[in-house]
Amino acid sequence: MQMTNPQKPTSSSLIEPHNSSLRIELLFSKFAAFYGHIWRSQFKDEGFLGFAKKEWREALNQFTDAILTQAILNCRDFYELPPTLPQMIHCCREIKQRNTFYV
């Protein structure tokens, strides 16, 4: 079988999908621990849970592990209710902006 894509996969492209899935699994587990039933009740349908994880993974893939970890901790410390995906993206962007140094 021939590959239609002439680009050779790099080691990071082979690892990233697995790593990004683990990051989202961890995020969903932490939010379940932080927010309990409020978080878990959104995902009673297994199909929707898978779809939601895919959307969160794709949206948050642009952020490093360090930024995502800090955003999760910020949610734990400052959000009484679980964040929506747009709120989580905003939180990550703010952290990224604070951590970026311009010379």
C-alpha atoms as a PDB file:
ATOM      1  CA  MET A   1       0.000   0.000   0.000  1.00  0.00           C
ATOM      2  CA  GLN A   2       1.426   3.388  -0.989  1.00  0.00           C
ATOM      3  CA  MET A   3       1.100   6.458   1.152  1.00  0.00           C
ATOM      4  CA  THR A   4      -0.549   9.371  -0.634  1.00  0.00           C
ATOM      5  CA  ASN A   5       1.152  11.912   1.612  1.00  0.00           C
ATOM      6  CA  PRO A   6       4.765  12.440   0.463  1.00  0.00           C
ATOM      7  CA  GLN A   7       5.796  13.933   3.806  1.00  0.00           C
ATOM      8  CA  LYS A   8       7.644  11.629   6.113  1.00  0.00           C
ATOM      9  CA  PRO A   9       6.094  11.528   9.605  1.00  0.00           C
ATOM     10  CA  THR A  10       8.262  12.951  12.337  1.00  0.00           C
ATOM     11  CA  SER A  11       8.616  11.523  15.810  1.00  0.00           C
ATOM     12  CA  SER A  12       6.601  14.416  17.256  1.00  0.00           C
ATOM     13  CA  SER A  13       3.703  13.815  14.844  1.00  0.00           C
ATOM     14  CA  LEU A  14       3.612  10.169  15.895  1.00  0.00           C
ATOM     15  CA  ILE A  15       3.577  10.983  19.608  1.00  0.00           C
ATOM     16  CA  GLU A  16       1.374  14.061  19.667  1.00  0.00           C
ATOM     17  CA  PRO A  17      -2.076  12.502  19.089  1.00  0.00           C
ATOM     18  CA  HIS A  18      -1.519  10.070  21.957  1.00  0.00           C
ATOM     19  CA  ASN A  19      -0.130  12.792  24.217  1.00  0.00           C
ATOM     20  CA  SER A  20      -2.965  15.209  23.430  1.00  0.00           C
ATOM     21  CA  SER A  21      -5.501  12.479  24.198  1.00  0.00           C
ATOM     22  CA  LEU A  22      -3.855  11.822  27.557  1.00  0.00           C
ATOM     23  CA  ARG A  23      -3.893  15.547  28.346  1.00  0.00           C
ATOM     24  CA  ILE A  24      -7.645  15.736  27.734  1.00  0.00           C
ATOM     25  CA  GLU A  25      -8.290  12.542  29.705  1.00  0.00           C
ATOM     26  CA  LEU A  26      -6.426  14.113  32.619  1.00  0.00           C
ATOM     27  CA  LEU A  27      -8.304  17.412  32.243  1.00  0.00           C
ATOM     28  CA  PHE A  28     -11.684  15.650  32.211  1.00  0.00           C
ATOM     29  CA  SER A  29     -10.704  13.548  35.261  1.00  0.00           C
ATOM     30  CA  LYS A  30      -9.497  16.583  37.198  1.00  0.00           C
ATOM     31  CA  PHE A  31     -12.624  18.577  36.356  1.00  0.00           C
ATOM     32  CA  ALA A  32     -14.745  15.599  37.458  1.00  0.00           C
ATOM     33  CA  ALA A  33     -12.868  15.630  40.769  1.00  0.00           C
ATOM     34  CA  PHE A  34     -13.086  19.418  41.167  1.00  0.00           C
ATOM     35  CA  TYR A  35     -16.689  19.945  40.051  1.00  0.00           C
ATOM     36  CA  GLY A  36     -18.255  16.554  40.722  1.00  0.00           C
ATOM     37  CA  HIS A  37     -21.767  15.988  39.419  1.00  0.00           C
ATOM     38  CA  ILE A  38     -21.928  19.403  37.717  1.00  0.00           C
ATOM     39  CA  TRP A  39     -19.130  18.356  35.338  1.00  0.00           C
ATOM     40  CA  ARG A  40     -20.005  14.687  34.948  1.00  0.00           C
ATOM     41  CA  SER A  41     -23.715  15.275  34.307  1.00  0.00           C
ATOM     42  CA  GLN A  42     -22.886  17.001  31.017  1.00  0.00           C
ATOM     43  CA  PHE A  43     -21.506  13.762  29.598  1.00  0.00           C
ATOM     44  CA  LYS A  44     -24.022  11.039  30.405  1.00  0.00           C
ATOM     45  CA  ASP A  45     -24.083   9.866  26.786  1.00  0.00           C
ATOM     46  CA  GLU A  46     -20.873   8.022  25.865  1.00  0.00           C
ATOM     47  CA  GLY A  47     -21.034   9.233  22.266  1.00  0.00           C
ATOM     48  CA  PHE A  48     -21.271  12.843  23.350  1.00  0.00           C
ATOM     49  CA  LEU A  49     -18.420  12.369  25.838  1.00  0.00           C
ATOM     50  CA  GLY A  50     -16.164  11.171  23.025  1.00  0.00           C
ATOM     51  CA  PHE A  51     -17.233  14.058  20.802  1.00  0.00           C
ATOM     52  CA  ALA A  52     -16.656  16.598  23.592  1.00  0.00           C
ATOM     53  CA  LYS A  53     -13.178  15.232  24.332  1.00  0.00           C
ATOM     54  CA  LYS A  54     -12.300  15.485  20.644  1.00  0.00           C
ATOM     55  CA  GLU A  55     -13.439  19.125  20.518  1.00  0.00           C
ATOM     56  CA  TRP A  56     -11.534  20.037  23.693  1.00  0.00           C
ATOM     57  CA  ARG A  57      -8.425  18.207  22.436  1.00  0.00           C
ATOM     58  CA  GLU A  58      -8.470  20.023  19.093  1.00  0.00           C
ATOM     59  CA  ALA A  59      -9.081  23.433  20.673  1.00  0.00           C
ATOM     60  CA  LEU A  60      -6.457  23.104  23.413  1.00  0.00           C
ATOM     61  CA  ASN A  61      -3.796  21.391  21.299  1.00  0.00           C
ATOM     62  CA  GLN A  62      -2.276  24.800  20.532  1.00  0.00           C
ATOM     63  CA  PHE A  63      -1.188  25.214  24.161  1.00  0.00           C
ATOM     64  CA  THR A  64       1.785  23.618  25.900  1.00  0.00           C
ATOM     65  CA  ASP A  65       1.439  21.158  28.763  1.00  0.00           C
ATOM     66  CA  ALA A  66       2.649  23.837  31.186  1.00  0.00           C
ATOM     67  CA  ILE A  67      -0.006  26.325  30.063  1.00  0.00           C
ATOM     68  CA  LEU A  68      -2.754  23.717  30.182  1.00  0.00           C
ATOM     69  CA  THR A  69      -1.684  22.566  33.647  1.00  0.00           C
ATOM     70  CA  GLN A  70      -1.713  26.152  34.941  1.00  0.00           C
ATOM     71  CA  ALA A  71      -5.137  26.761  33.396  1.00  0.00           C
ATOM     72  CA  ILE A  72      -6.517  23.644  35.099  1.00  0.00           C
ATOM     73  CA  LEU A  73      -5.145  24.852  38.443  1.00  0.00           C
ATOM     74  CA  ASN A  74      -6.584  28.326  37.856  1.00  0.00           C
ATOM     75  CA  CYS A  75      -9.996  26.776  37.233  1.00  0.00           C
ATOM     76  CA  ARG A  76      -9.716  24.783  40.445  1.00  0.00           C
ATOM     77  CA  ASP A  77      -8.717  27.847  42.438  1.00  0.00           C
ATOM     78  CA  PHE A  78     -10.981  30.503  40.925  1.00  0.00           C
ATOM     79  CA  TYR A  79     -13.958  28.975  39.069  1.00  0.00           C
ATOM     80  CA  GLU A  80     -16.882  27.873  41.191  1.00  0.00           C
ATOM     81  CA  LEU A  81     -18.448  26.214  38.139  1.00  0.00           C
ATOM     82  CA  PRO A  82     -16.628  24.257  35.433  1.00  0.00           C
ATOM     83  CA  PRO A  83     -15.461  26.378  32.521  1.00  0.00           C
ATOM     84  CA  THR A  84     -16.889  26.120  29.057  1.00  0.00           C
ATOM     85  CA  LEU A  85     -14.452  25.365  26.256  1.00  0.00           C
ATOM     86  CA  PRO A  86     -14.326  29.045  25.180  1.00  0.00           C
ATOM     87  CA  GLN A  87     -13.585  30.050  28.798  1.00  0.00           C
ATOM     88  CA  MET A  88     -10.799  27.473  28.978  1.00  0.00           C
ATOM     89  CA  ILE A  89      -9.278  28.755  25.728  1.00  0.00           C
ATOM     90  CA  HIS A  90      -9.428  32.303  27.094  1.00  0.00           C
ATOM     91  CA  CYS A  91      -7.750  31.218  30.333  1.00  0.00           C
ATOM     92  CA  CYS A  92      -4.964  29.470  28.388  1.00  0.00           C
ATOM     93  CA  ARG A  93      -4.451  32.512  26.161  1.00  0.00           C
ATOM     94  CA  GLU A  94      -4.135  34.779  29.192  1.00  0.00           C
ATOM     95  CA  ILE A  95      -1.530  32.491  30.748  1.00  0.00           C
ATOM     96  CA  LYS A  96       0.360  32.263  27.458  1.00  0.00           C
ATOM     97  CA  GLN A  97       0.339  36.051  27.128  1.00  0.00           C
ATOM     98  CA  ARG A  98       1.580  36.540  30.712  1.00  0.00           C
ATOM     99  CA  ASN A  99       4.381  34.047  30.132  1.00  0.00           C
ATOM    100  CA  THR A 100       5.521  35.509  26.821  1.00  0.00           C
ATOM    101  CA  PHE A 101       8.480  37.830  26.995  1.00  0.00           C
ATOM    102  CA  TYR A 102       9.157  40.372  24.283  1.00  0.00           C
ATOM    103  CA  VAL A 103      12.697  41.561  23.652  1.00  0.00           C
END
